[in-house]
Amino acid sequence: LEYLTGCKPIYIEGEFRESRKDIFGLV
């Protein structure tokens, strides 16, 4: 995604495990 957009994803919303949404612990 960073290659495509130039932005680093750090958090993902959605219906899956809470422990996985904050990808790098930055939030």
mmCIF file of all heavy atoms, coordinates in Angstrom:
data_MODEL
# 
_entry.id   MODEL 
# 
loop_
_atom_site.group_PDB 
_atom_site.id 
_atom_site.type_symbol 
_atom_site.label_atom_id 
_atom_site.label_alt_id 
_atom_site.label_comp_id 
_atom_site.label_asym_id 
_atom_site.label_entity_id 
_atom_site.label_seq_id 
_atom_site.pdbx_PDB_ins_code 
_atom_site.Cartn_x 
_atom_site.Cartn_y 
_atom_site.Cartn_z 
_atom_site.occupancy 
_atom_site.B_iso_or_equiv 
_atom_site.pdbx_formal_charge 
_atom_site.auth_seq_id 
_atom_site.auth_comp_id 
_atom_site.auth_asym_id 
_atom_site.auth_atom_id 
_atom_site.pdbx_PDB_model_num 
ATOM 1   N N   . LEU A 1 1  ? 0.826   -1.211  0.000  1.00 0.00 ? 1  LEU A N   1 
ATOM 2   C CA  . LEU A 1 1  ? 0.000   0.000   0.000  1.00 0.00 ? 1  LEU A CA  1 
ATOM 3   C C   . LEU A 1 1  ? 0.859   1.260   0.000  1.00 0.00 ? 1  LEU A C   1 
ATOM 4   O O   . LEU A 1 1  ? 0.505   2.257   -0.630 1.00 0.00 ? 1  LEU A O   1 
ATOM 5   C CB  . LEU A 1 1  ? -0.936  -0.012  1.203  1.00 0.00 ? 1  LEU A CB  1 
ATOM 6   C CG  . LEU A 1 1  ? -2.085  -1.012  1.141  1.00 0.00 ? 1  LEU A CG  1 
ATOM 7   C CD1 . LEU A 1 1  ? -3.010  -0.847  2.340  1.00 0.00 ? 1  LEU A CD1 1 
ATOM 8   C CD2 . LEU A 1 1  ? -2.892  -0.857  -0.152 1.00 0.00 ? 1  LEU A CD2 1 
ATOM 9   N N   . GLU A 1 2  ? 1.991   1.215   0.704  1.00 0.00 ? 2  GLU A N   1 
ATOM 10  C CA  . GLU A 1 2  ? 2.876   2.374   0.682  1.00 0.00 ? 2  GLU A CA  1 
ATOM 11  C C   . GLU A 1 2  ? 3.453   2.564   -0.723 1.00 0.00 ? 2  GLU A C   1 
ATOM 12  O O   . GLU A 1 2  ? 3.596   3.699   -1.201 1.00 0.00 ? 2  GLU A O   1 
ATOM 13  C CB  . GLU A 1 2  ? 4.006   2.213   1.692  1.00 0.00 ? 2  GLU A CB  1 
ATOM 14  C CG  . GLU A 1 2  ? 4.877   3.467   1.777  1.00 0.00 ? 2  GLU A CG  1 
ATOM 15  C CD  . GLU A 1 2  ? 6.054   3.321   2.716  1.00 0.00 ? 2  GLU A CD  1 
ATOM 16  O OE1 . GLU A 1 2  ? 6.747   2.289   2.651  1.00 0.00 ? 2  GLU A OE1 1 
ATOM 17  O OE2 . GLU A 1 2  ? 6.292   4.256   3.511  1.00 0.00 ? 2  GLU A OE2 1 
ATOM 18  N N   . TYR A 1 3  ? 3.766   1.465   -1.390 1.00 0.00 ? 3  TYR A N   1 
ATOM 19  C CA  . TYR A 1 3  ? 4.278   1.544   -2.760 1.00 0.00 ? 3  TYR A CA  1 
ATOM 20  C C   . TYR A 1 3  ? 3.238   2.181   -3.690 1.00 0.00 ? 3  TYR A C   1 
ATOM 21  O O   . TYR A 1 3  ? 3.575   2.993   -4.560 1.00 0.00 ? 3  TYR A O   1 
ATOM 22  C CB  . TYR A 1 3  ? 4.631   0.140   -3.253 1.00 0.00 ? 3  TYR A CB  1 
ATOM 23  C CG  . TYR A 1 3  ? 4.987   0.063   -4.715 1.00 0.00 ? 3  TYR A CG  1 
ATOM 24  C CD1 . TYR A 1 3  ? 6.244   0.459   -5.172 1.00 0.00 ? 3  TYR A CD1 1 
ATOM 25  C CD2 . TYR A 1 3  ? 4.059   -0.400  -5.647 1.00 0.00 ? 3  TYR A CD2 1 
ATOM 26  C CE1 . TYR A 1 3  ? 6.564   0.400   -6.522 1.00 0.00 ? 3  TYR A CE1 1 
ATOM 27  C CE2 . TYR A 1 3  ? 4.374   -0.464  -6.996 1.00 0.00 ? 3  TYR A CE2 1 
ATOM 28  C CZ  . TYR A 1 3  ? 5.621   -0.064  -7.429 1.00 0.00 ? 3  TYR A CZ  1 
ATOM 29  O OH  . TYR A 1 3  ? 5.925   -0.126  -8.763 1.00 0.00 ? 3  TYR A OH  1 
ATOM 30  N N   . LEU A 1 4  ? 1.971   1.835   -3.501 1.00 0.00 ? 4  LEU A N   1 
ATOM 31  C CA  . LEU A 1 4  ? 0.905   2.349   -4.356 1.00 0.00 ? 4  LEU A CA  1 
ATOM 32  C C   . LEU A 1 4  ? 0.557   3.805   -4.066 1.00 0.00 ? 4  LEU A C   1 
ATOM 33  O O   . LEU A 1 4  ? 0.269   4.580   -4.984 1.00 0.00 ? 4  LEU A O   1 
ATOM 34  C CB  . LEU A 1 4  ? -0.358  1.497   -4.188 1.00 0.00 ? 4  LEU A CB  1 
ATOM 35  C CG  . LEU A 1 4  ? -0.389  0.122   -4.832 1.00 0.00 ? 4  LEU A CG  1 
ATOM 36  C CD1 . LEU A 1 4  ? -1.673  -0.603  -4.455 1.00 0.00 ? 4  LEU A CD1 1 
ATOM 37  C CD2 . LEU A 1 4  ? -0.282  0.235   -6.357 1.00 0.00 ? 4  LEU A CD2 1 
ATOM 38  N N   . THR A 1 5  ? 0.557   4.170   -2.781 1.00 0.00 ? 5  THR A N   1 
ATOM 39  C CA  . THR A 1 5  ? 0.006   5.468   -2.381 1.00 0.00 ? 5  THR A CA  1 
ATOM 40  C C   . THR A 1 5  ? 1.026   6.443   -1.810 1.00 0.00 ? 5  THR A C   1 
ATOM 41  O O   . THR A 1 5  ? 0.735   7.640   -1.721 1.00 0.00 ? 5  THR A O   1 
ATOM 42  C CB  . THR A 1 5  ? -1.084  5.264   -1.309 1.00 0.00 ? 5  THR A CB  1 
ATOM 43  O OG1 . THR A 1 5  ? -0.485  4.762   -0.100 1.00 0.00 ? 5  THR A OG1 1 
ATOM 44  C CG2 . THR A 1 5  ? -2.143  4.267   -1.796 1.00 0.00 ? 5  THR A CG2 1 
ATOM 45  N N   . GLY A 1 6  ? 2.172   5.945   -1.374 1.00 0.00 ? 6  GLY A N   1 
ATOM 46  C CA  . GLY A 1 6  ? 3.140   6.802   -0.706 1.00 0.00 ? 6  GLY A CA  1 
ATOM 47  C C   . GLY A 1 6  ? 2.831   7.009   0.763  1.00 0.00 ? 6  GLY A C   1 
ATOM 48  O O   . GLY A 1 6  ? 3.553   7.725   1.465  1.00 0.00 ? 6  GLY A O   1 
ATOM 49  N N   . CYS A 1 7  ? 1.753   6.376   1.242  1.00 0.00 ? 7  CYS A N   1 
ATOM 50  C CA  . CYS A 1 7  ? 1.341   6.527   2.647  1.00 0.00 ? 7  CYS A CA  1 
ATOM 51  C C   . CYS A 1 7  ? 1.512   5.209   3.389  1.00 0.00 ? 7  CYS A C   1 
ATOM 52  O O   . CYS A 1 7  ? 1.235   4.134   2.853  1.00 0.00 ? 7  CYS A O   1 
ATOM 53  C CB  . CYS A 1 7  ? -0.118  6.969   2.728  1.00 0.00 ? 7  CYS A CB  1 
ATOM 54  S SG  . CYS A 1 7  ? -0.440  8.572   1.960  1.00 0.00 ? 7  CYS A SG  1 
ATOM 55  N N   . LYS A 1 8  ? 1.926   5.298   4.630  1.00 0.00 ? 8  LYS A N   1 
ATOM 56  C CA  . LYS A 1 8  ? 2.100   4.119   5.469  1.00 0.00 ? 8  LYS A CA  1 
ATOM 57  C C   . LYS A 1 8  ? 0.806   3.848   6.233  1.00 0.00 ? 8  LYS A C   1 
ATOM 58  O O   . LYS A 1 8  ? 0.367   4.670   7.031  1.00 0.00 ? 8  LYS A O   1 
ATOM 59  C CB  . LYS A 1 8  ? 3.241   4.343   6.463  1.00 0.00 ? 8  LYS A CB  1 
ATOM 60  C CG  . LYS A 1 8  ? 3.415   3.235   7.495  1.00 0.00 ? 8  LYS A CG  1 
ATOM 61  C CD  . LYS A 1 8  ? 4.522   3.580   8.469  1.00 0.00 ? 8  LYS A CD  1 
ATOM 62  C CE  . LYS A 1 8  ? 4.648   2.531   9.570  1.00 0.00 ? 8  LYS A CE  1 
ATOM 63  N NZ  . LYS A 1 8  ? 5.745   2.870   10.523 1.00 0.00 ? 8  LYS A NZ  1 
ATOM 64  N N   . PRO A 1 9  ? 0.170   2.715   6.005  1.00 0.00 ? 9  PRO A N   1 
ATOM 65  C CA  . PRO A 1 9  ? -1.045  2.392   6.767  1.00 0.00 ? 9  PRO A CA  1 
ATOM 66  C C   . PRO A 1 9  ? -0.681  2.053   8.211  1.00 0.00 ? 9  PRO A C   1 
ATOM 67  O O   . PRO A 1 9  ? 0.287   1.331   8.459  1.00 0.00 ? 9  PRO A O   1 
ATOM 68  C CB  . PRO A 1 9  ? -1.612  1.178   6.035  1.00 0.00 ? 9  PRO A CB  1 
ATOM 69  C CG  . PRO A 1 9  ? -0.430  0.538   5.396  1.00 0.00 ? 9  PRO A CG  1 
ATOM 70  C CD  . PRO A 1 9  ? 0.504   1.658   5.033  1.00 0.00 ? 9  PRO A CD  1 
ATOM 71  N N   . ILE A 1 10 ? -1.448  2.579   9.156  1.00 0.00 ? 10 ILE A N   1 
ATOM 72  C CA  . ILE A 1 10 ? -1.139  2.307   10.563 1.00 0.00 ? 10 ILE A CA  1 
ATOM 73  C C   . ILE A 1 10 ? -2.325  1.718   11.331 1.00 0.00 ? 10 ILE A C   1 
ATOM 74  O O   . ILE A 1 10 ? -2.136  1.139   12.404 1.00 0.00 ? 10 ILE A O   1 
ATOM 75  C CB  . ILE A 1 10 ? -0.640  3.574   11.293 1.00 0.00 ? 10 ILE A CB  1 
ATOM 76  C CG1 . ILE A 1 10 ? -1.725  4.659   11.284 1.00 0.00 ? 10 ILE A CG1 1 
ATOM 77  C CG2 . ILE A 1 10 ? 0.655   4.076   10.680 1.00 0.00 ? 10 ILE A CG2 1 
ATOM 78  C CD1 . ILE A 1 10 ? -1.368  5.866   12.137 1.00 0.00 ? 10 ILE A CD1 1 
ATOM 79  N N   . TYR A 1 11 ? -3.533  1.852   10.782 1.00 0.00 ? 11 TYR A N   1 
ATOM 80  C CA  . TYR A 1 11 ? -4.715  1.360   11.497 1.00 0.00 ? 11 TYR A CA  1 
ATOM 81  C C   . TYR A 1 11 ? -5.751  0.912   10.465 1.00 0.00 ? 11 TYR A C   1 
ATOM 82  O O   . TYR A 1 11 ? -5.965  1.577   9.459  1.00 0.00 ? 11 TYR A O   1 
ATOM 83  C CB  . TYR A 1 11 ? -5.311  2.460   12.380 1.00 0.00 ? 11 TYR A CB  1 
ATOM 84  C CG  . TYR A 1 11 ? -6.330  1.964   13.387 1.00 0.00 ? 11 TYR A CG  1 
ATOM 85  C CD1 . TYR A 1 11 ? -5.924  1.525   14.644 1.00 0.00 ? 11 TYR A CD1 1 
ATOM 86  C CD2 . TYR A 1 11 ? -7.684  1.927   13.085 1.00 0.00 ? 11 TYR A CD2 1 
ATOM 87  C CE1 . TYR A 1 11 ? -6.848  1.070   15.576 1.00 0.00 ? 11 TYR A CE1 1 
ATOM 88  C CE2 . TYR A 1 11 ? -8.613  1.458   14.003 1.00 0.00 ? 11 TYR A CE2 1 
ATOM 89  C CZ  . TYR A 1 11 ? -8.188  1.041   15.252 1.00 0.00 ? 11 TYR A CZ  1 
ATOM 90  O OH  . TYR A 1 11 ? -9.102  0.571   16.162 1.00 0.00 ? 11 TYR A OH  1 
ATOM 91  N N   . ILE A 1 12 ? -6.388  -0.222  10.730 1.00 0.00 ? 12 ILE A N   1 
ATOM 92  C CA  . ILE A 1 12 ? -7.378  -0.774  9.815  1.00 0.00 ? 12 ILE A CA  1 
ATOM 93  C C   . ILE A 1 12 ? -8.704  -0.943  10.543 1.00 0.00 ? 12 ILE A C   1 
ATOM 94  O O   . ILE A 1 12 ? -8.763  -1.607  11.578 1.00 0.00 ? 12 ILE A O   1 
ATOM 95  C CB  . ILE A 1 12 ? -6.932  -2.145  9.261  1.00 0.00 ? 12 ILE A CB  1 
ATOM 96  C CG1 . ILE A 1 12 ? -5.555  -2.051  8.602  1.00 0.00 ? 12 ILE A CG1 1 
ATOM 97  C CG2 . ILE A 1 12 ? -7.958  -2.670  8.253  1.00 0.00 ? 12 ILE A CG2 1 
ATOM 98  C CD1 . ILE A 1 12 ? -4.999  -3.388  8.166  1.00 0.00 ? 12 ILE A CD1 1 
ATOM 99  N N   . GLU A 1 13 ? -9.748  -0.340  10.009 1.00 0.00 ? 13 GLU A N   1 
ATOM 100 C CA  . GLU A 1 13 ? -11.080 -0.547  10.558 1.00 0.00 ? 13 GLU A CA  1 
ATOM 101 C C   . GLU A 1 13 ? -11.685 -1.795  9.911  1.00 0.00 ? 13 GLU A C   1 
ATOM 102 O O   . GLU A 1 13 ? -11.373 -2.136  8.779  1.00 0.00 ? 13 GLU A O   1 
ATOM 103 C CB  . GLU A 1 13 ? -11.975 0.654   10.262 1.00 0.00 ? 13 GLU A CB  1 
ATOM 104 C CG  . GLU A 1 13 ? -11.619 1.904   11.042 1.00 0.00 ? 13 GLU A CG  1 
ATOM 105 C CD  . GLU A 1 13 ? -12.072 1.838   12.488 1.00 0.00 ? 13 GLU A CD  1 
ATOM 106 O OE1 . GLU A 1 13 ? -12.666 0.810   12.876 1.00 0.00 ? 13 GLU A OE1 1 
ATOM 107 O OE2 . GLU A 1 13 ? -11.833 2.810   13.226 1.00 0.00 ? 13 GLU A OE2 1 
ATOM 108 N N   . GLY A 1 14 ? -12.558 -2.473  10.642 1.00 0.00 ? 14 GLY A N   1 
ATOM 109 C CA  . GLY A 1 14 ? -13.210 -3.629  10.067 1.00 0.00 ? 14 GLY A CA  1 
ATOM 110 C C   . GLY A 1 14 ? -13.676 -4.604  11.125 1.00 0.00 ? 14 GLY A C   1 
ATOM 111 O O   . GLY A 1 14 ? -13.432 -4.416  12.322 1.00 0.00 ? 14 GLY A O   1 
ATOM 112 N N   . GLU A 1 15 ? -14.339 -5.641  10.676 1.00 0.00 ? 15 GLU A N   1 
ATOM 113 C CA  . GLU A 1 15 ? -14.866 -6.656  11.582 1.00 0.00 ? 15 GLU A CA  1 
ATOM 114 C C   . GLU A 1 15 ? -13.882 -7.809  11.694 1.00 0.00 ? 15 GLU A C   1 
ATOM 115 O O   . GLU A 1 15 ? -14.044 -8.862  11.086 1.00 0.00 ? 15 GLU A O   1 
ATOM 116 C CB  . GLU A 1 15 ? -16.232 -7.143  11.090 1.00 0.00 ? 15 GLU A CB  1 
ATOM 117 C CG  . GLU A 1 15 ? -17.291 -6.057  11.082 1.00 0.00 ? 15 GLU A CG  1 
ATOM 118 C CD  . GLU A 1 15 ? -18.638 -6.569  10.612 1.00 0.00 ? 15 GLU A CD  1 
ATOM 119 O OE1 . GLU A 1 15 ? -18.751 -7.786  10.350 1.00 0.00 ? 15 GLU A OE1 1 
ATOM 120 O OE2 . GLU A 1 15 ? -19.569 -5.754  10.509 1.00 0.00 ? 15 GLU A OE2 1 
ATOM 121 N N   . PHE A 1 16 ? -12.818 -7.583  12.433 1.00 0.00 ? 16 PHE A N   1 
ATOM 122 C CA  . PHE A 1 16 ? -11.846 -8.621  12.718 1.00 0.00 ? 16 PHE A CA  1 
ATOM 123 C C   . PHE A 1 16 ? -11.199 -8.312  14.062 1.00 0.00 ? 16 PHE A C   1 
ATOM 124 O O   . PHE A 1 16 ? -11.551 -7.327  14.716 1.00 0.00 ? 16 PHE A O   1 
ATOM 125 C CB  . PHE A 1 16 ? -10.812 -8.756  11.591 1.00 0.00 ? 16 PHE A CB  1 
ATOM 126 C CG  . PHE A 1 16 ? -9.984  -7.519  11.333 1.00 0.00 ? 16 PHE A CG  1 
ATOM 127 C CD1 . PHE A 1 16 ? -8.678  -7.442  11.781 1.00 0.00 ? 16 PHE A CD1 1 
ATOM 128 C CD2 . PHE A 1 16 ? -10.510 -6.446  10.631 1.00 0.00 ? 16 PHE A CD2 1 
ATOM 129 C CE1 . PHE A 1 16 ? -7.906  -6.322  11.546 1.00 0.00 ? 16 PHE A CE1 1 
ATOM 130 C CE2 . PHE A 1 16 ? -9.749  -5.315  10.386 1.00 0.00 ? 16 PHE A CE2 1 
ATOM 131 C CZ  . PHE A 1 16 ? -8.439  -5.250  10.846 1.00 0.00 ? 16 PHE A CZ  1 
ATOM 132 N N   . ARG A 1 17 ? -10.272 -9.138  14.502 1.00 0.00 ? 17 ARG A N   1 
ATOM 133 C CA  . ARG A 1 17 ? -9.751  -9.048  15.866 1.00 0.00 ? 17 ARG A CA  1 
ATOM 134 C C   . ARG A 1 17 ? -9.192  -7.658  16.187 1.00 0.00 ? 17 ARG A C   1 
ATOM 135 O O   . ARG A 1 17 ? -8.397  -7.099  15.429 1.00 0.00 ? 17 ARG A O   1 
ATOM 136 C CB  . ARG A 1 17 ? -8.657  -10.092 16.078 1.00 0.00 ? 17 ARG A CB  1 
ATOM 137 C CG  . ARG A 1 17 ? -9.149  -11.527 15.890 1.00 0.00 ? 17 ARG A CG  1 
ATOM 138 C CD  . ARG A 1 17 ? -8.079  -12.533 16.250 1.00 0.00 ? 17 ARG A CD  1 
ATOM 139 N NE  . ARG A 1 17 ? -8.453  -13.875 15.818 1.00 0.00 ? 17 ARG A NE  1 
ATOM 140 C CZ  . ARG A 1 17 ? -7.773  -14.977 16.094 1.00 0.00 ? 17 ARG A CZ  1 
ATOM 141 N NH1 . ARG A 1 17 ? -6.675  -14.898 16.833 1.00 0.00 ? 17 ARG A NH1 1 
ATOM 142 N NH2 . ARG A 1 17 ? -8.167  -16.160 15.654 1.00 0.00 ? 17 ARG A NH2 1 
ATOM 143 N N   . GLU A 1 18 ? -9.601  -7.119  17.340 1.00 0.00 ? 18 GLU A N   1 
ATOM 144 C CA  . GLU A 1 18 ? -9.164  -5.783  17.750 1.00 0.00 ? 18 GLU A CA  1 
ATOM 145 C C   . GLU A 1 18 ? -7.647  -5.692  17.839 1.00 0.00 ? 18 GLU A C   1 
ATOM 146 O O   . GLU A 1 18 ? -7.051  -4.656  17.554 1.00 0.00 ? 18 GLU A O   1 
ATOM 147 C CB  . GLU A 1 18 ? -9.786  -5.428  19.105 1.00 0.00 ? 18 GLU A CB  1 
ATOM 148 C CG  . GLU A 1 18 ? -11.270 -5.120  19.050 1.00 0.00 ? 18 GLU A CG  1 
ATOM 149 C CD  . GLU A 1 18 ? -11.581 -3.852  18.267 1.00 0.00 ? 18 GLU A CD  1 
ATOM 150 O OE1 . GLU A 1 18 ? -10.767 -2.907  18.323 1.00 0.00 ? 18 GLU A OE1 1 
ATOM 151 O OE2 . GLU A 1 18 ? -12.623 -3.814  17.590 1.00 0.00 ? 18 GLU A OE2 1 
ATOM 152 N N   . SER A 1 19 ? -7.006  -6.785  18.262 1.00 0.00 ? 19 SER A N   1 
ATOM 153 C CA  . SER A 1 19 ? -5.560  -6.778  18.457 1.00 0.00 ? 19 SER A CA  1 
ATOM 154 C C   . SER A 1 19 ? -4.791  -6.587  17.155 1.00 0.00 ? 19 SER A C   1 
ATOM 155 O O   . SER A 1 19 ? -3.579  -6.351  17.176 1.00 0.00 ? 19 SER A O   1 
ATOM 156 C CB  . SER A 1 19 ? -5.120  -8.096  19.112 1.00 0.00 ? 19 SER A CB  1 
ATOM 157 O OG  . SER A 1 19 ? -5.435  -9.206  18.283 1.00 0.00 ? 19 SER A OG  1 
ATOM 158 N N   . ARG A 1 20 ? -5.482  -6.656  16.025 1.00 0.00 ? 20 ARG A N   1 
ATOM 159 C CA  . ARG A 1 20 ? -4.806  -6.559  14.734 1.00 0.00 ? 20 ARG A CA  1 
ATOM 160 C C   . ARG A 1 20 ? -4.990  -5.210  14.043 1.00 0.00 ? 20 ARG A C   1 
ATOM 161 O O   . ARG A 1 20 ? -4.307  -4.929  13.065 1.00 0.00 ? 20 ARG A O   1 
ATOM 162 C CB  . ARG A 1 20 ? -5.317  -7.669  13.809 1.00 0.00 ? 20 ARG A CB  1 
ATOM 163 C CG  . ARG A 1 20 ? -5.052  -9.052  14.360 1.00 0.00 ? 20 ARG A CG  1 
ATOM 164 C CD  . ARG A 1 20 ? -5.621  -10.115 13.462 1.00 0.00 ? 20 ARG A CD  1 
ATOM 165 N NE  . ARG A 1 20 ? -5.312  -11.449 13.955 1.00 0.00 ? 20 ARG A NE  1 
ATOM 166 C CZ  . ARG A 1 20 ? -5.674  -12.574 13.367 1.00 0.00 ? 20 ARG A CZ  1 
ATOM 167 N NH1 . ARG A 1 20 ? -6.393  -12.525 12.262 1.00 0.00 ? 20 ARG A NH1 1 
ATOM 168 N NH2 . ARG A 1 20 ? -5.344  -13.741 13.872 1.00 0.00 ? 20 ARG A NH2 1 
ATOM 169 N N   . LYS A 1 21 ? -5.902  -4.408  14.535 1.00 0.00 ? 21 LYS A N   1 
ATOM 170 C CA  . LYS A 1 21 ? -6.237  -3.171  13.835 1.00 0.00 ? 21 LYS A CA  1 
ATOM 171 C C   . LYS A 1 21 ? -5.122  -2.123  13.918 1.00 0.00 ? 21 LYS A C   1 
ATOM 172 O O   . LYS A 1 21 ? -4.826  -1.455  12.938 1.00 0.00 ? 21 LYS A O   1 
ATOM 173 C CB  . LYS A 1 21 ? -7.553  -2.613  14.378 1.00 0.00 ? 21 LYS A CB  1 
ATOM 174 C CG  . LYS A 1 21 ? -8.735  -3.527  14.124 1.00 0.00 ? 21 LYS A CG  1 
ATOM 175 C CD  . LYS A 1 21 ? -10.038 -2.958  14.652 1.00 0.00 ? 21 LYS A CD  1 
ATOM 176 C CE  . LYS A 1 21 ? -11.210 -3.891  14.346 1.00 0.00 ? 21 LYS A CE  1 
ATOM 177 N NZ  . LYS A 1 21 ? -12.499 -3.350  14.817 1.00 0.00 ? 21 LYS A NZ  1 
ATOM 178 N N   . ASP A 1 22 ? -4.525  -1.974  15.091 1.00 0.00 ? 22 ASP A N   1 
ATOM 179 C CA  . ASP A 1 22 ? -3.416  -1.042  15.283 1.00 0.00 ? 22 ASP A CA  1 
ATOM 180 C C   . ASP A 1 22 ? -2.144  -1.768  14.847 1.00 0.00 ? 22 ASP A C   1 
ATOM 181 O O   . ASP A 1 22 ? -1.476  -2.422  15.644 1.00 0.00 ? 22 ASP A O   1 
ATOM 182 C CB  . ASP A 1 22 ? -3.347  -0.624  16.751 1.00 0.00 ? 22 ASP A CB  1 
ATOM 183 C CG  . ASP A 1 22 ? -2.344  0.484   17.010 1.00 0.00 ? 22 ASP A CG  1 
ATOM 184 O OD1 . ASP A 1 22 ? -1.689  0.936   16.053 1.00 0.00 ? 22 ASP A OD1 1 
ATOM 185 O OD2 . ASP A 1 22 ? -2.205  0.879   18.186 1.00 0.00 ? 22 ASP A OD2 1 
ATOM 186 N N   . ILE A 1 23 ? -1.792  -1.657  13.570 1.00 0.00 ? 23 ILE A N   1 
ATOM 187 C CA  . ILE A 1 23 ? -0.780  -2.529  12.969 1.00 0.00 ? 23 ILE A CA  1 
ATOM 188 C C   . ILE A 1 23 ? 0.557   -2.458  13.688 1.00 0.00 ? 23 ILE A C   1 
ATOM 189 O O   . ILE A 1 23 ? 1.151   -3.492  14.024 1.00 0.00 ? 23 ILE A O   1 
ATOM 190 C CB  . ILE A 1 23 ? -0.578  -2.171  11.483 1.00 0.00 ? 23 ILE A CB  1 
ATOM 191 C CG1 . ILE A 1 23 ? -1.899  -2.232  10.727 1.00 0.00 ? 23 ILE A CG1 1 
ATOM 192 C CG2 . ILE A 1 23 ? 0.438   -3.122  10.847 1.00 0.00 ? 23 ILE A CG2 1 
ATOM 193 C CD1 . ILE A 1 23 ? -1.794  -1.730  9.286  1.00 0.00 ? 23 ILE A CD1 1 
ATOM 194 N N   . PHE A 1 24 ? 1.047   -1.248  13.932 1.00 0.00 ? 24 PHE A N   1 
ATOM 195 C CA  . PHE A 1 24 ? 2.384   -1.075  14.500 1.00 0.00 ? 24 PHE A CA  1 
ATOM 196 C C   . PHE A 1 24 ? 2.369   -0.480  15.901 1.00 0.00 ? 24 PHE A C   1 
ATOM 197 O O   . PHE A 1 24 ? 3.401   -0.025  16.394 1.00 0.00 ? 24 PHE A O   1 
ATOM 198 C CB  . PHE A 1 24 ? 3.231   -0.192  13.573 1.00 0.00 ? 24 PHE A CB  1 
ATOM 199 C CG  . PHE A 1 24 ? 3.315   -0.716  12.164 1.00 0.00 ? 24 PHE A CG  1 
ATOM 200 C CD1 . PHE A 1 24 ? 2.721   -0.016  11.121 1.00 0.00 ? 24 PHE A CD1 1 
ATOM 201 C CD2 . PHE A 1 24 ? 3.982   -1.890  11.868 1.00 0.00 ? 24 PHE A CD2 1 
ATOM 202 C CE1 . PHE A 1 24 ? 2.799   -0.479  9.810  1.00 0.00 ? 24 PHE A CE1 1 
ATOM 203 C CE2 . PHE A 1 24 ? 4.060   -2.374  10.573 1.00 0.00 ? 24 PHE A CE2 1 
ATOM 204 C CZ  . PHE A 1 24 ? 3.465   -1.665  9.543  1.00 0.00 ? 24 PHE A CZ  1 
ATOM 205 N N   . GLY A 1 25 ? 1.214   -0.461  16.548 1.00 0.00 ? 25 GLY A N   1 
ATOM 206 C CA  . GLY A 1 25 ? 1.132   0.096   17.897 1.00 0.00 ? 25 GLY A CA  1 
ATOM 207 C C   . GLY A 1 25 ? 1.311   1.597   17.945 1.00 0.00 ? 25 GLY A C   1 
ATOM 208 O O   . GLY A 1 25 ? 1.664   2.145   18.989 1.00 0.00 ? 25 GLY A O   1 
ATOM 209 N N   . LEU A 1 26 ? 1.039   2.277   16.833 1.00 0.00 ? 26 LEU A N   1 
ATOM 210 C CA  . LEU A 1 26 ? 1.251   3.720   16.769 1.00 0.00 ? 26 LEU A CA  1 
ATOM 211 C C   . LEU A 1 26 ? 0.019   4.510   17.191 1.00 0.00 ? 26 LEU A C   1 
ATOM 212 O O   . LEU A 1 26 ? 0.106   5.720   17.413 1.00 0.00 ? 26 LEU A O   1 
ATOM 213 C CB  . LEU A 1 26 ? 1.649   4.129   15.346 1.00 0.00 ? 26 LEU A CB  1 
ATOM 214 C CG  . LEU A 1 26 ? 2.964   3.526   14.830 1.00 0.00 ? 26 LEU A CG  1 
ATOM 215 C CD1 . LEU A 1 26 ? 3.184   3.926   13.376 1.00 0.00 ? 26 LEU A CD1 1 
ATOM 216 C CD2 . LEU A 1 26 ? 4.132   3.971   15.696 1.00 0.00 ? 26 LEU A CD2 1 
ATOM 217 N N   . VAL A 1 27 ? -1.122  3.848   17.298 1.00 0.00 ? 27 VAL A N   1 
ATOM 218 C CA  . VAL A 1 27 ? -2.363  4.526   17.691 1.00 0.00 ? 27 VAL A CA  1 
ATOM 219 C C   . VAL A 1 27 ? -2.639  4.325   19.172 1.00 0.00 ? 27 VAL A C   1 
ATOM 220 O O   . VAL A 1 27 ? -2.847  5.293   19.917 1.00 0.00 ? 27 VAL A O   1 
ATOM 221 C CB  . VAL A 1 27 ? -3.547  4.011   16.843 1.00 0.00 ? 27 VAL A CB  1 
ATOM 222 C CG1 . VAL A 1 27 ? -4.853  4.662   17.303 1.00 0.00 ? 27 VAL A CG1 1 
ATOM 223 C CG2 . VAL A 1 27 ? -3.308  4.291   15.363 1.00 0.00 ? 27 VAL A CG2 1 
# 
